[in-house]
Every structure is written in C-alpha cells, then in structure tokens.
Amino acid sequence: MRHVTWVLSFALISGCAAEQAAAPVPTKGPDPRPKMEQIKADCMKQRGFKYVAYVVRDRPEPDLSTYEAMKTYRQKYGFGVFAMLVYPKDPLTGSMESARDASADDPNEAITQKLNTSQLGAYIEAWNACYKKAAKQVLHKEAGSELEAVGLLQGARDDLEEAEINGDPELVALVPGFADCLATKGQRVPPAILPTAMAKRGNDAFWDQMKALGNKESKGRPPDLTPAQARPYLDREIKAALEDLECGREFYTRFAPKRASINARVWAEYGPLVGR
C-alpha cells in the first residue's frame, strides 16, 4: 500500500528533518523481512485477501557519523528540510516523490487500487492483524501497525538519546559556548537547552517555516512549491546549517558518532518493523 509508505516517510521526519531522522540500515545477520512478508501473505490468504510478499528496497541514507560527513551533507541539503522540495527525486531527502518512487514496484499497489472504500477498510484491518502476527513471530515485538511501530522506534531512540547524549556531561558542557557563538550570528537559542534539543533546533526552525507555508488542505504534506520557488528557502537554510555546524564543531565532533551509534542500534531492532 503505497500510501502507507508516504505516511511512514513523513512520520519519521515530523518535527525534525531528514538529517535528524537519518539512520543506517544494519546488515548483520539474515534480513528478517522476507520471513515477515511470507507470514503476512499466508495470513492474508487465510482471511480471504490477496497480498504479495514484498520487501521494499532500502532507501540510501546520508552518512552523518562524523563532523566532516555532516558538513558535506549540509552544503547541499542544509538541515534536510527544504531540500525535499528542491530535490524531490533525491532519495536522501525523504520526500514524498522519492518515497513514491521507492515503492512504485510494490505489486500490492495494484491490488489495493481496485478496492472500494469498504473493501479497503476491511483489507487494512486484516493487514494490520497479519502485520501484528508477523512482528510477534519474527521479531517478538508487539506492534499492531506500521505507524505503531514508528512510535516504538522513536520511543527507543528518545530513551537512548536521553541516557547517552543528554546524560553526557562533556556534551552538556559544550552547549553554552555553542549557543553563545550562534547568538553572535543572530540565531536565537533558548536558555538551559539540552544537547539533543541543541542539535535539532535548526531543523525545528526550518520545519516550522515549511509548515507555515502549507495550509489546512495539505494534511501534513509539504507546501506546493516548485523547486525554483523553494530554492531561496533552501539557500537560507544551508547558510544557517553551516553556521550552526561551525559554531558547534567541537559539539558535533562528539555528538555525531554517538547519534550514529544510537541510530544503528535502534534500526537493528526496529527497522524491519517499518519495512526498512
């Protein structure tokens, strides 16, 4: 169901842009997704529905494990917000178009497209039940839907960040100097800010700008801007992102590998639940 992929793509970056959501997909051990897909297909058949076992191809993720890698990323994508509109086909942006392209060959799209509203509702209800069965049998996780699984993933990430990043006294000690430097560049920083909030404050600011350009009819989707119209916003974002990185050079040198380690562990445990 391609619409599910879109929802998941934006659920993972809601409130924080692609740079903060990015995570490597670990390859240790056999991929559990084929087994999960087969369980779902068999379960759906038992419930009277057709579902083709299908593993969504992995989307490449940006390397943000070092200061140097972050700089390379930010020089083109800024914080990863307006880049979704300027580079809609770029898989690193996490945009709706790149998410749509990544799942365009899903054979289940043709199946669900033929269902009316009532049939689709019954299909999704059955699919969620089968998804829950597969998650329990293969990963030993309690998740009744992919959106619920996203919540589990984000919760696990939050817990690790609180312990290993906000609980790191060296990172905490680096925040005031980082904030003072940004203040000289006209970037406002709230007082007594935690390291995790310091790292995502730029993302949040430009994500708020993105949302302000939308409207009630957008239903959480990005505003309807052409790449050319979005380019000035991205240019300002890139400038702010590079200033942020230079002011926080010492901070990010310590933060980046910690964040990459947390992401790798979270995705190793929960990534298969969200089809990644």
Protein backbone atom coordinates (compact mmCIF):
# COMPACT_ATOMS: atom_id res chain seq x y z
CA MET A 1 0.00 0.00 0.00
CA ARG A 2 1.92 2.94 -1.30
CA HIS A 3 0.04 5.50 0.79
CA VAL A 4 1.36 3.76 3.90
CA THR A 5 4.93 4.33 2.68
CA TRP A 6 4.24 8.04 2.26
CA VAL A 7 2.77 8.30 5.76
CA LEU A 8 5.72 6.47 7.28
CA SER A 9 8.24 8.58 5.40
CA PHE A 10 6.81 11.75 6.91
CA ALA A 11 6.07 10.26 10.30
CA LEU A 12 9.80 9.64 10.66
CA ILE A 13 10.68 13.27 9.98
CA SER A 14 7.68 15.03 11.51
CA GLY A 15 9.05 17.72 13.77
CA CYS A 16 12.62 17.07 12.65
CA ALA A 17 14.03 16.96 9.19
CA ALA A 18 15.82 14.24 7.30
CA GLU A 19 19.21 14.95 8.84
CA GLN A 20 17.95 14.10 12.31
CA ALA A 21 15.93 11.10 11.19
CA ALA A 22 18.63 9.53 9.06
CA ALA A 23 19.90 6.17 10.19
CA PRO A 24 21.97 3.41 8.63
CA VAL A 25 20.20 0.14 7.97
CA PRO A 26 22.35 -2.55 9.64
CA THR A 27 23.08 -5.69 7.66
CA LYS A 28 24.16 -8.03 10.48
CA GLY A 29 22.53 -11.44 10.28
CA PRO A 30 19.83 -12.54 7.86
CA ASP A 31 17.23 -9.99 6.85
CA PRO A 32 14.02 -10.86 8.79
CA ARG A 33 11.75 -9.01 6.36
CA PRO A 34 11.26 -11.83 3.80
CA LYS A 35 10.04 -14.15 6.56
CA MET A 36 7.72 -11.46 7.90
CA GLU A 37 6.34 -10.83 4.43
CA GLN A 38 5.61 -14.51 3.87
CA ILE A 39 3.78 -14.73 7.18
CA LYS A 40 1.71 -11.70 6.20
CA ALA A 41 0.92 -13.17 2.78
CA ASP A 42 -0.19 -16.52 4.27
CA CYS A 43 -2.23 -14.76 6.95
CA MET A 44 -3.97 -12.52 4.43
CA LYS A 45 -4.82 -15.53 2.28
CA GLN A 46 -6.41 -17.20 5.28
CA ARG A 47 -8.52 -14.08 5.77
CA GLY A 48 -9.65 -14.08 2.17
CA PHE A 49 -7.39 -11.36 0.80
CA LYS A 50 -4.57 -11.35 -1.68
CA TYR A 51 -1.24 -9.98 -0.55
CA VAL A 52 2.07 -10.48 -2.34
CA ALA A 53 5.12 -10.91 -0.11
CA TYR A 54 7.26 -7.90 -0.99
CA VAL A 55 10.30 -6.32 0.66
CA VAL A 56 10.58 -2.60 -0.07
CA ARG A 57 14.02 -1.81 -1.41
CA ASP A 58 16.20 0.06 1.04
CA ARG A 59 16.48 3.80 0.57
CA PRO A 60 20.05 5.14 0.89
CA GLU A 61 20.65 7.23 3.98
CA PRO A 62 23.08 10.13 4.40
CA ASP A 63 26.30 9.48 6.31
CA LEU A 64 26.16 11.75 9.37
CA SER A 65 28.56 9.82 11.58
CA THR A 66 31.32 12.45 11.56
CA TYR A 67 31.65 16.22 11.52
CA GLU A 68 33.12 16.07 8.00
CA ALA A 69 30.21 13.97 6.72
CA MET A 70 27.71 16.36 8.28
CA LYS A 71 29.41 19.31 6.56
CA THR A 72 29.25 17.61 3.16
CA TYR A 73 25.55 16.89 3.69
CA ARG A 74 24.71 20.39 4.89
CA GLN A 75 26.49 22.09 1.99
CA LYS A 76 23.83 20.66 -0.33
CA TYR A 77 20.81 19.86 1.87
CA GLY A 78 21.06 22.25 4.81
CA PHE A 79 19.22 20.64 7.69
CA GLY A 80 17.29 18.47 5.24
CA VAL A 81 14.01 20.41 5.25
CA PHE A 82 13.52 22.49 2.08
CA ALA A 83 15.78 20.07 0.22
CA MET A 84 12.69 17.84 -0.01
CA LEU A 85 11.17 20.42 -2.35
CA VAL A 86 14.31 21.40 -4.24
CA TYR A 87 15.42 17.80 -4.84
CA PRO A 88 12.12 15.87 -4.83
CA LYS A 89 13.58 12.86 -6.65
CA ASP A 90 16.69 12.60 -4.48
CA PRO A 91 16.35 9.53 -2.23
CA LEU A 92 18.37 11.25 0.52
CA THR A 93 15.71 13.92 1.02
CA GLY A 94 12.97 11.58 2.22
CA SER A 95 10.46 13.48 0.09
CA MET A 96 7.08 12.15 -0.95
CA GLU A 97 8.25 11.73 -4.52
CA SER A 98 11.34 9.75 -3.54
CA ALA A 99 9.19 7.62 -1.21
CA ARG A 100 6.71 7.06 -4.02
CA ASP A 101 9.49 6.10 -6.42
CA ALA A 102 10.98 3.67 -3.90
CA SER A 103 7.68 1.77 -3.62
CA ALA A 104 6.48 2.13 -7.22
CA ASP A 105 7.15 -1.52 -7.96
CA ASP A 106 5.13 -2.82 -5.00
CA PRO A 107 2.72 -5.39 -6.52
CA ASN A 108 0.22 -4.75 -3.72
CA GLU A 109 -0.45 -1.25 -5.01
CA ALA A 110 -2.42 -2.69 -7.95
CA ILE A 111 -4.41 -4.87 -5.56
CA THR A 112 -5.49 -2.08 -3.22
CA GLN A 113 -6.24 0.31 -6.10
CA LYS A 114 -9.06 -1.98 -7.22
CA LEU A 115 -10.82 -1.95 -3.82
CA ASN A 116 -13.71 0.34 -2.96
CA THR A 117 -13.76 2.25 0.34
CA SER A 118 -15.47 -0.52 2.29
CA GLN A 119 -13.25 -3.24 0.87
CA LEU A 120 -10.13 -1.21 1.51
CA GLY A 121 -11.12 -0.70 5.13
CA ALA A 122 -11.56 -4.45 5.60
CA TYR A 123 -8.29 -5.10 3.79
CA ILE A 124 -6.34 -2.71 6.02
CA GLU A 125 -7.91 -4.19 9.14
CA ALA A 126 -6.85 -7.67 8.05
CA TRP A 127 -3.41 -6.44 7.03
CA ASN A 128 -2.80 -4.84 10.42
CA ALA A 129 -3.77 -8.09 12.16
CA CYS A 130 -1.41 -10.05 9.93
CA TYR A 131 1.31 -7.46 10.44
CA LYS A 132 0.93 -7.88 14.20
CA LYS A 133 1.25 -11.65 13.83
CA ALA A 134 4.43 -11.35 11.75
CA ALA A 135 6.01 -8.83 14.13
CA LYS A 136 5.30 -11.10 17.08
CA GLN A 137 6.51 -14.32 15.48
CA VAL A 138 9.67 -12.99 13.83
CA LEU A 139 10.81 -10.06 15.94
CA HIS A 140 8.95 -10.76 19.19
CA LYS A 141 7.58 -7.22 19.14
CA GLU A 142 4.06 -6.07 19.96
CA ALA A 143 3.02 -3.71 17.16
CA GLY A 144 -0.43 -3.60 15.61
CA SER A 145 0.51 -1.44 12.63
CA GLU A 146 3.50 0.19 10.95
CA LEU A 147 2.55 3.55 12.44
CA GLU A 148 2.56 1.98 15.89
CA ALA A 149 5.97 0.52 15.07
CA VAL A 150 7.24 4.01 14.18
CA GLY A 151 6.19 5.10 17.67
CA LEU A 152 8.15 2.23 19.20
CA LEU A 153 11.21 3.15 17.14
CA GLN A 154 11.03 6.80 18.09
CA GLY A 155 10.47 5.95 21.75
CA ALA A 156 13.51 3.68 21.82
CA ARG A 157 15.60 6.38 20.16
CA ASP A 158 14.40 9.00 22.65
CA ASP A 159 15.31 6.79 25.61
CA LEU A 160 18.84 6.15 24.31
CA GLU A 161 19.40 9.81 23.48
CA GLU A 162 18.28 10.87 26.93
CA ALA A 163 20.72 8.47 28.57
CA GLU A 164 23.70 8.71 26.24
CA ILE A 165 23.52 12.24 24.84
CA ASN A 166 21.69 14.38 27.40
CA GLY A 167 23.41 12.33 30.08
CA ASP A 168 26.88 13.00 28.66
CA PRO A 169 28.48 15.70 30.87
CA GLU A 170 31.01 16.65 28.19
CA LEU A 171 28.26 17.36 25.63
CA VAL A 172 26.27 19.29 28.24
CA ALA A 173 29.34 21.40 28.98
CA LEU A 174 29.81 22.22 25.28
CA VAL A 175 26.30 23.65 24.81
CA PRO A 176 26.78 27.15 26.35
CA GLY A 177 29.73 28.02 24.11
CA PHE A 178 27.85 26.67 21.10
CA ALA A 179 24.85 28.83 21.97
CA ASP A 180 26.97 31.96 22.52
CA CYS A 181 28.56 31.55 19.08
CA LEU A 182 25.16 31.21 17.42
CA ALA A 183 23.93 34.33 19.21
CA THR A 184 26.69 36.36 17.55
CA LYS A 185 25.27 35.22 14.19
CA GLY A 186 21.74 36.27 15.07
CA GLN A 187 20.46 32.77 15.79
CA ARG A 188 18.41 32.67 18.99
CA VAL A 189 18.92 29.76 21.37
CA PRO A 190 16.67 29.07 24.39
CA PRO A 191 18.45 29.10 27.78
CA ALA A 192 19.45 25.86 29.53
CA ILE A 193 18.86 23.83 26.37
CA LEU A 194 19.69 20.11 26.37
CA PRO A 195 22.20 18.66 23.87
CA THR A 196 19.52 16.80 21.88
CA ALA A 197 17.43 19.96 21.56
CA MET A 198 20.54 21.95 20.65
CA ALA A 199 21.30 19.54 17.82
CA LYS A 200 17.80 19.76 16.35
CA ARG A 201 16.93 23.41 16.97
CA GLY A 202 17.91 24.35 13.41
CA ASN A 203 15.85 21.54 11.95
CA ASP A 204 12.86 22.57 14.03
CA ALA A 205 13.11 26.21 12.99
CA PHE A 206 13.08 25.45 9.28
CA TRP A 207 10.48 22.72 9.67
CA ASP A 208 8.23 25.35 11.29
CA GLN A 209 8.82 27.59 8.27
CA MET A 210 7.91 24.72 5.96
CA LYS A 211 4.67 24.04 7.84
CA ALA A 212 3.78 27.75 7.88
CA LEU A 213 3.89 27.75 4.08
CA GLY A 214 1.35 24.92 3.93
CA ASN A 215 -2.37 25.08 4.58
CA LYS A 216 -5.17 23.06 6.11
CA GLU A 217 -5.70 21.20 2.86
CA SER A 218 -2.09 19.94 2.75
CA LYS A 219 -2.81 17.38 5.51
CA GLY A 220 0.78 17.29 6.67
CA ARG A 221 2.30 17.20 3.20
CA PRO A 222 4.92 19.78 2.16
CA PRO A 223 3.65 23.06 0.65
CA ASP A 224 3.02 23.16 -3.08
CA LEU A 225 6.21 24.92 -4.17
CA THR A 226 8.24 24.25 -7.29
CA PRO A 227 11.98 23.52 -6.86
CA ALA A 228 12.71 27.04 -8.13
CA GLN A 229 10.30 28.59 -5.62
CA ALA A 230 11.76 26.53 -2.78
CA ARG A 231 15.39 27.27 -3.68
CA PRO A 232 15.67 30.61 -1.79
CA TYR A 233 14.40 28.92 1.37
CA LEU A 234 16.99 26.17 0.98
CA ASP A 235 19.76 28.70 0.38
CA ARG A 236 18.94 30.41 3.68
CA GLU A 237 18.70 27.02 5.36
CA ILE A 238 22.14 25.97 4.06
CA LYS A 239 23.68 29.19 5.38
CA ALA A 240 22.11 28.66 8.81
CA ALA A 241 23.06 24.98 8.84
CA LEU A 242 26.71 25.69 8.08
CA GLU A 243 26.85 28.44 10.71
CA ASP A 244 25.32 26.01 13.18
CA LEU A 245 27.89 23.37 12.30
CA GLU A 246 30.87 25.71 12.60
CA CYS A 247 29.70 27.12 15.93
CA GLY A 248 29.12 23.60 17.16
CA ARG A 249 32.20 22.00 15.65
CA GLU A 250 33.50 20.60 18.93
CA PHE A 251 29.98 19.65 19.98
CA TYR A 252 29.19 17.80 16.75
CA THR A 253 32.55 16.03 16.71
CA ARG A 254 31.41 14.29 19.89
CA PHE A 255 27.68 14.21 19.12
CA ALA A 256 27.78 12.75 15.59
CA PRO A 257 29.27 9.32 16.38
CA LYS A 258 27.05 8.96 19.43
CA ARG A 259 23.96 9.72 17.38
CA ALA A 260 25.07 7.34 14.61
CA SER A 261 25.60 4.55 17.15
CA ILE A 262 22.14 5.08 18.64
CA ASN A 263 20.52 5.11 15.21
CA ALA A 264 22.28 1.89 14.20
CA ARG A 265 21.10 0.08 17.32
CA VAL A 266 17.54 1.35 17.02
CA TRP A 267 17.29 0.41 13.35
CA ALA A 268 18.80 -3.00 14.01
CA GLU A 269 15.98 -3.70 16.45
CA TYR A 270 13.04 -1.82 14.95
CA GLY A 271 13.96 -1.16 11.32
CA PRO A 272 12.36 -4.36 9.99
CA LEU A 273 9.09 -3.34 11.65
CA VAL A 274 8.82 -0.28 9.43
CA GLY A 275 9.86 -2.09 6.28
CA ARG A 276 13.36 -0.56 6.11
